[in-house]
């Protein structure tokens, strides 16, 4: 596996946690999520984002609702109870990993 593919796989895991984090706060739609992820250094297109959202929805971690906004249907994604639980577990693991990484940097 090339370095780029390995990093991409790693970052896709981070992105999933990021999406769950934001969608646990409130419902988000695709363009908002892309802009938010870009603020964190991720370069995403709809072709990358929506398969992730659909997977998280299929896993039961996100639920989708649709609203008519300015004559167009907009899909909003919000964390489910199961998604919030997974996020809670991920937070613990990320915190533990961050602490270990900081220990080895010192």
N, C-alpha and C. Protein backbone atom coordinates (compact mmCIF):
# COMPACT_ATOMS: atom_id res chain seq x y z
N UNK A 1 0.85 -1.17 0.00
CA UNK A 1 0.00 0.00 0.00
C UNK A 1 0.90 1.24 0.00
N UNK A 2 0.56 2.20 -0.83
CA UNK A 2 1.36 3.41 -0.91
C UNK A 2 1.11 4.29 0.32
N UNK A 3 2.05 5.18 0.56
CA UNK A 3 1.94 6.11 1.68
C UNK A 3 0.66 6.94 1.57
N UNK A 4 0.35 7.41 0.36
CA UNK A 4 -0.85 8.23 0.16
C UNK A 4 -2.12 7.46 0.47
N UNK A 5 -2.20 6.20 0.04
CA UNK A 5 -3.39 5.38 0.31
C UNK A 5 -3.52 5.10 1.79
N UNK A 6 -2.41 4.85 2.44
CA UNK A 6 -2.43 4.58 3.88
C UNK A 6 -2.91 5.80 4.64
N UNK A 7 -2.39 6.97 4.31
CA UNK A 7 -2.82 8.21 4.97
C UNK A 7 -4.30 8.49 4.70
N UNK A 8 -4.73 8.24 3.48
CA UNK A 8 -6.13 8.48 3.13
C UNK A 8 -7.05 7.58 3.98
N UNK A 9 -6.69 6.32 4.12
CA UNK A 9 -7.50 5.41 4.94
C UNK A 9 -7.53 5.88 6.40
N UNK A 10 -6.39 6.31 6.90
CA UNK A 10 -6.31 6.81 8.27
C UNK A 10 -7.19 8.05 8.44
N UNK A 11 -7.07 9.00 7.52
CA UNK A 11 -7.83 10.23 7.62
C UNK A 11 -9.33 10.00 7.45
N UNK A 12 -9.73 9.00 6.68
CA UNK A 12 -11.16 8.72 6.54
C UNK A 12 -11.76 8.29 7.88
N UNK A 13 -10.98 7.61 8.70
CA UNK A 13 -11.43 7.28 10.05
C UNK A 13 -11.62 8.53 10.89
N UNK A 14 -10.67 9.45 10.80
CA UNK A 14 -10.79 10.72 11.52
C UNK A 14 -12.02 11.49 11.05
N UNK A 15 -12.26 11.48 9.75
CA UNK A 15 -13.40 12.21 9.17
C UNK A 15 -14.71 11.66 9.72
N UNK A 16 -14.82 10.36 9.82
CA UNK A 16 -16.04 9.75 10.36
C UNK A 16 -16.30 10.24 11.79
N UNK A 17 -15.26 10.29 12.60
CA UNK A 17 -15.41 10.78 13.97
C UNK A 17 -15.79 12.26 13.96
N UNK A 18 -15.16 13.02 13.09
CA UNK A 18 -15.48 14.44 12.96
C UNK A 18 -16.95 14.64 12.60
N UNK A 19 -17.42 13.87 11.63
CA UNK A 19 -18.82 13.98 11.20
C UNK A 19 -19.75 13.63 12.35
N UNK A 20 -19.47 12.54 13.04
CA UNK A 20 -20.31 12.16 14.18
C UNK A 20 -20.32 13.26 15.24
N UNK A 21 -19.16 13.83 15.50
CA UNK A 21 -19.05 14.91 16.49
C UNK A 21 -19.98 16.06 16.13
N UNK A 22 -19.90 16.53 14.91
CA UNK A 22 -20.72 17.68 14.52
C UNK A 22 -22.20 17.32 14.45
N UNK A 23 -22.51 16.14 13.94
CA UNK A 23 -23.91 15.74 13.81
C UNK A 23 -24.54 15.38 15.14
N UNK A 24 -23.74 15.23 16.18
CA UNK A 24 -24.28 15.04 17.53
C UNK A 24 -24.70 16.38 18.12
N UNK A 25 -24.13 17.47 17.60
CA UNK A 25 -24.46 18.81 18.10
C UNK A 25 -25.79 19.31 17.54
N UNK A 26 -26.00 19.04 16.22
CA UNK A 26 -27.20 19.50 15.53
C UNK A 26 -27.22 18.85 14.15
N UNK A 27 -28.34 18.92 13.44
CA UNK A 27 -28.37 18.40 12.07
C UNK A 27 -27.52 19.27 11.13
N UNK A 28 -26.79 18.61 10.25
CA UNK A 28 -25.94 19.29 9.27
C UNK A 28 -26.29 18.79 7.88
N UNK A 29 -26.14 19.66 6.88
CA UNK A 29 -26.30 19.20 5.49
C UNK A 29 -24.94 19.17 4.81
N UNK A 30 -24.88 18.52 3.66
CA UNK A 30 -23.62 18.22 2.99
C UNK A 30 -22.67 19.38 2.81
N UNK A 31 -23.15 20.48 2.25
CA UNK A 31 -22.27 21.62 1.98
C UNK A 31 -21.67 22.17 3.27
N UNK A 32 -22.48 22.22 4.33
CA UNK A 32 -21.97 22.67 5.63
C UNK A 32 -20.85 21.77 6.12
N UNK A 33 -21.06 20.47 5.99
CA UNK A 33 -20.04 19.52 6.44
C UNK A 33 -18.75 19.65 5.63
N UNK A 34 -18.88 19.81 4.32
CA UNK A 34 -17.68 19.99 3.49
C UNK A 34 -16.92 21.22 3.93
N UNK A 35 -17.62 22.33 4.14
CA UNK A 35 -16.95 23.57 4.57
C UNK A 35 -16.29 23.39 5.94
N UNK A 36 -16.99 22.71 6.85
CA UNK A 36 -16.43 22.48 8.19
C UNK A 36 -15.18 21.60 8.10
N UNK A 37 -15.24 20.55 7.33
CA UNK A 37 -14.09 19.66 7.19
C UNK A 37 -12.92 20.39 6.53
N UNK A 38 -13.21 21.27 5.58
CA UNK A 38 -12.14 22.05 4.95
C UNK A 38 -11.45 22.95 5.96
N UNK A 39 -12.21 23.48 6.92
CA UNK A 39 -11.60 24.31 7.97
C UNK A 39 -10.61 23.51 8.81
N UNK A 40 -10.78 22.19 8.83
CA UNK A 40 -9.88 21.32 9.59
C UNK A 40 -8.82 20.67 8.70
N UNK A 41 -8.71 21.16 7.47
CA UNK A 41 -7.64 20.70 6.60
C UNK A 41 -7.97 19.54 5.69
N UNK A 42 -9.22 19.09 5.70
CA UNK A 42 -9.62 18.00 4.81
C UNK A 42 -10.13 18.58 3.50
N UNK A 43 -9.75 17.95 2.40
CA UNK A 43 -10.20 18.40 1.07
C UNK A 43 -11.19 17.37 0.56
N UNK A 44 -12.49 17.70 0.63
CA UNK A 44 -13.53 16.75 0.29
C UNK A 44 -14.44 17.25 -0.80
N UNK A 45 -14.92 16.31 -1.58
CA UNK A 45 -15.94 16.59 -2.58
C UNK A 45 -17.20 15.86 -2.16
N UNK A 46 -18.30 16.15 -2.85
CA UNK A 46 -19.54 15.44 -2.57
C UNK A 46 -19.38 13.95 -2.85
N UNK A 47 -18.58 13.63 -3.86
CA UNK A 47 -18.36 12.23 -4.23
C UNK A 47 -17.65 11.43 -3.16
N UNK A 48 -16.95 12.11 -2.27
CA UNK A 48 -16.30 11.44 -1.14
C UNK A 48 -17.19 11.50 0.09
N UNK A 49 -17.82 12.65 0.33
CA UNK A 49 -18.61 12.84 1.54
C UNK A 49 -19.86 11.98 1.59
N UNK A 50 -20.64 11.98 0.51
CA UNK A 50 -21.93 11.30 0.58
C UNK A 50 -21.83 9.79 0.77
N UNK A 51 -20.87 9.10 0.18
CA UNK A 51 -20.74 7.68 0.53
C UNK A 51 -20.44 7.46 2.02
N UNK A 52 -19.67 8.36 2.63
CA UNK A 52 -19.39 8.25 4.07
C UNK A 52 -20.69 8.47 4.85
N UNK A 53 -21.45 9.49 4.49
CA UNK A 53 -22.72 9.76 5.17
C UNK A 53 -23.67 8.59 5.02
N UNK A 54 -23.76 8.02 3.82
CA UNK A 54 -24.65 6.89 3.58
C UNK A 54 -24.22 5.67 4.39
N UNK A 55 -22.91 5.45 4.51
CA UNK A 55 -22.42 4.33 5.32
C UNK A 55 -22.75 4.53 6.79
N UNK A 56 -22.53 5.74 7.30
CA UNK A 56 -22.86 6.03 8.70
C UNK A 56 -24.36 5.89 8.95
N UNK A 57 -25.15 6.25 7.96
CA UNK A 57 -26.60 6.10 8.07
C UNK A 57 -26.97 4.61 8.05
N UNK A 58 -26.38 3.86 7.16
CA UNK A 58 -26.66 2.42 7.06
C UNK A 58 -26.26 1.69 8.34
N UNK A 59 -25.18 2.14 8.98
CA UNK A 59 -24.72 1.55 10.24
C UNK A 59 -25.62 1.94 11.42
N UNK A 60 -26.51 2.89 11.18
CA UNK A 60 -27.42 3.33 12.24
C UNK A 60 -26.87 4.43 13.11
N UNK A 61 -25.79 5.04 12.69
CA UNK A 61 -25.14 6.08 13.49
C UNK A 61 -25.62 7.48 13.14
N UNK A 62 -26.17 7.65 11.95
CA UNK A 62 -26.77 8.91 11.53
C UNK A 62 -28.18 8.64 11.04
N UNK A 63 -29.04 9.64 11.19
CA UNK A 63 -30.35 9.58 10.55
C UNK A 63 -30.46 10.79 9.63
N UNK A 64 -31.19 10.60 8.55
CA UNK A 64 -31.33 11.66 7.55
C UNK A 64 -32.77 12.14 7.54
N UNK A 65 -32.91 13.47 7.49
CA UNK A 65 -34.21 14.09 7.27
C UNK A 65 -34.06 15.04 6.09
N UNK A 66 -35.16 15.29 5.42
CA UNK A 66 -35.12 16.20 4.28
C UNK A 66 -36.05 17.37 4.53
N UNK A 67 -35.57 18.56 4.16
CA UNK A 67 -36.35 19.78 4.31
C UNK A 67 -36.32 20.53 2.99
N UNK A 68 -37.44 21.16 2.68
CA UNK A 68 -37.52 22.00 1.49
C UNK A 68 -36.98 23.38 1.84
N UNK A 69 -35.87 23.78 1.19
CA UNK A 69 -35.22 25.06 1.45
C UNK A 69 -35.06 25.78 0.11
N UNK A 70 -35.68 26.94 -0.02
CA UNK A 70 -35.61 27.73 -1.25
C UNK A 70 -35.96 26.90 -2.48
N UNK A 71 -36.99 26.08 -2.36
CA UNK A 71 -37.48 25.31 -3.49
C UNK A 71 -36.69 24.04 -3.79
N UNK A 72 -35.69 23.73 -2.97
CA UNK A 72 -34.88 22.52 -3.18
C UNK A 72 -34.90 21.67 -1.91
N UNK A 73 -34.87 20.35 -2.11
CA UNK A 73 -34.81 19.45 -0.96
C UNK A 73 -33.38 19.35 -0.47
N UNK A 74 -33.20 19.59 0.81
CA UNK A 74 -31.88 19.52 1.43
C UNK A 74 -31.87 18.37 2.44
N UNK A 75 -30.83 17.54 2.37
CA UNK A 75 -30.71 16.39 3.27
C UNK A 75 -29.87 16.79 4.49
N UNK A 76 -30.46 16.61 5.65
CA UNK A 76 -29.77 16.89 6.91
C UNK A 76 -29.45 15.58 7.60
N UNK A 77 -28.28 15.54 8.25
CA UNK A 77 -27.83 14.35 8.95
C UNK A 77 -27.62 14.69 10.41
N UNK A 78 -28.12 13.80 11.28
CA UNK A 78 -28.01 13.99 12.73
C UNK A 78 -27.64 12.66 13.37
N UNK A 79 -26.83 12.71 14.41
CA UNK A 79 -26.41 11.49 15.09
C UNK A 79 -27.60 10.85 15.80
N UNK A 80 -27.66 9.54 15.72
CA UNK A 80 -28.66 8.76 16.45
C UNK A 80 -28.11 8.46 17.85
N UNK A 81 -28.91 7.79 18.66
CA UNK A 81 -28.42 7.36 19.97
C UNK A 81 -27.21 6.45 19.83
N UNK A 82 -27.28 5.53 18.86
CA UNK A 82 -26.14 4.63 18.62
C UNK A 82 -24.92 5.42 18.15
N UNK A 83 -25.14 6.44 17.32
CA UNK A 83 -24.03 7.27 16.84
C UNK A 83 -23.38 8.05 17.98
N UNK A 84 -24.20 8.52 18.90
CA UNK A 84 -23.67 9.26 20.06
C UNK A 84 -22.85 8.33 20.96
N UNK A 85 -23.33 7.10 21.08
CA UNK A 85 -22.60 6.11 21.88
C UNK A 85 -21.24 5.81 21.24
N UNK A 86 -21.23 5.58 19.94
CA UNK A 86 -19.98 5.32 19.23
C UNK A 86 -19.04 6.52 19.35
N UNK A 87 -19.60 7.72 19.26
CA UNK A 87 -18.80 8.93 19.41
C UNK A 87 -18.17 8.98 20.80
N UNK A 88 -18.94 8.63 21.81
CA UNK A 88 -18.41 8.62 23.18
C UNK A 88 -17.24 7.64 23.29
N UNK A 89 -17.36 6.46 22.71
CA UNK A 89 -16.27 5.50 22.71
C UNK A 89 -15.06 6.03 21.94
N UNK A 90 -15.33 6.64 20.79
CA UNK A 90 -14.24 7.19 19.97
C UNK A 90 -13.51 8.30 20.72
N UNK A 91 -14.24 9.14 21.43
CA UNK A 91 -13.61 10.23 22.19
C UNK A 91 -12.61 9.66 23.21
N UNK A 92 -13.02 8.61 23.90
CA UNK A 92 -12.12 8.00 24.87
C UNK A 92 -10.86 7.47 24.20
N UNK A 93 -11.03 6.79 23.08
CA UNK A 93 -9.89 6.21 22.37
C UNK A 93 -8.98 7.30 21.82
N UNK A 94 -9.57 8.35 21.26
CA UNK A 94 -8.78 9.46 20.71
C UNK A 94 -8.01 10.15 21.83
N UNK A 95 -8.67 10.35 22.96
CA UNK A 95 -8.01 10.98 24.11
C UNK A 95 -6.83 10.14 24.58
N UNK A 96 -7.04 8.84 24.70
CA UNK A 96 -5.98 7.93 25.14
C UNK A 96 -4.82 7.94 24.14
N UNK A 97 -5.14 7.90 22.86
CA UNK A 97 -4.10 7.92 21.82
C UNK A 97 -3.33 9.24 21.87
N UNK A 98 -4.04 10.36 22.01
CA UNK A 98 -3.38 11.67 22.07
C UNK A 98 -2.41 11.73 23.25
N UNK A 99 -2.82 11.20 24.38
CA UNK A 99 -1.95 11.20 25.55
C UNK A 99 -0.69 10.37 25.28
N UNK A 100 -0.84 9.20 24.68
CA UNK A 100 0.32 8.38 24.36
C UNK A 100 1.26 9.05 23.37
N UNK A 101 0.68 9.68 22.37
CA UNK A 101 1.49 10.36 21.37
C UNK A 101 2.26 11.52 21.99
N UNK A 102 1.62 12.24 22.90
CA UNK A 102 2.30 13.35 23.59
C UNK A 102 3.42 12.85 24.47
N UNK A 103 3.21 11.70 25.14
CA UNK A 103 4.26 11.12 25.98
C UNK A 103 5.50 10.79 25.16
N UNK A 104 5.30 10.29 23.97
CA UNK A 104 6.44 9.90 23.12
C UNK A 104 7.09 11.09 22.44
N UNK A 105 6.40 12.22 22.38
CA UNK A 105 7.00 13.43 21.81
C UNK A 105 7.94 14.11 22.80
N UNK A 106 7.71 13.88 24.07
CA UNK A 106 8.52 14.57 25.10
C UNK A 106 9.81 13.88 25.33
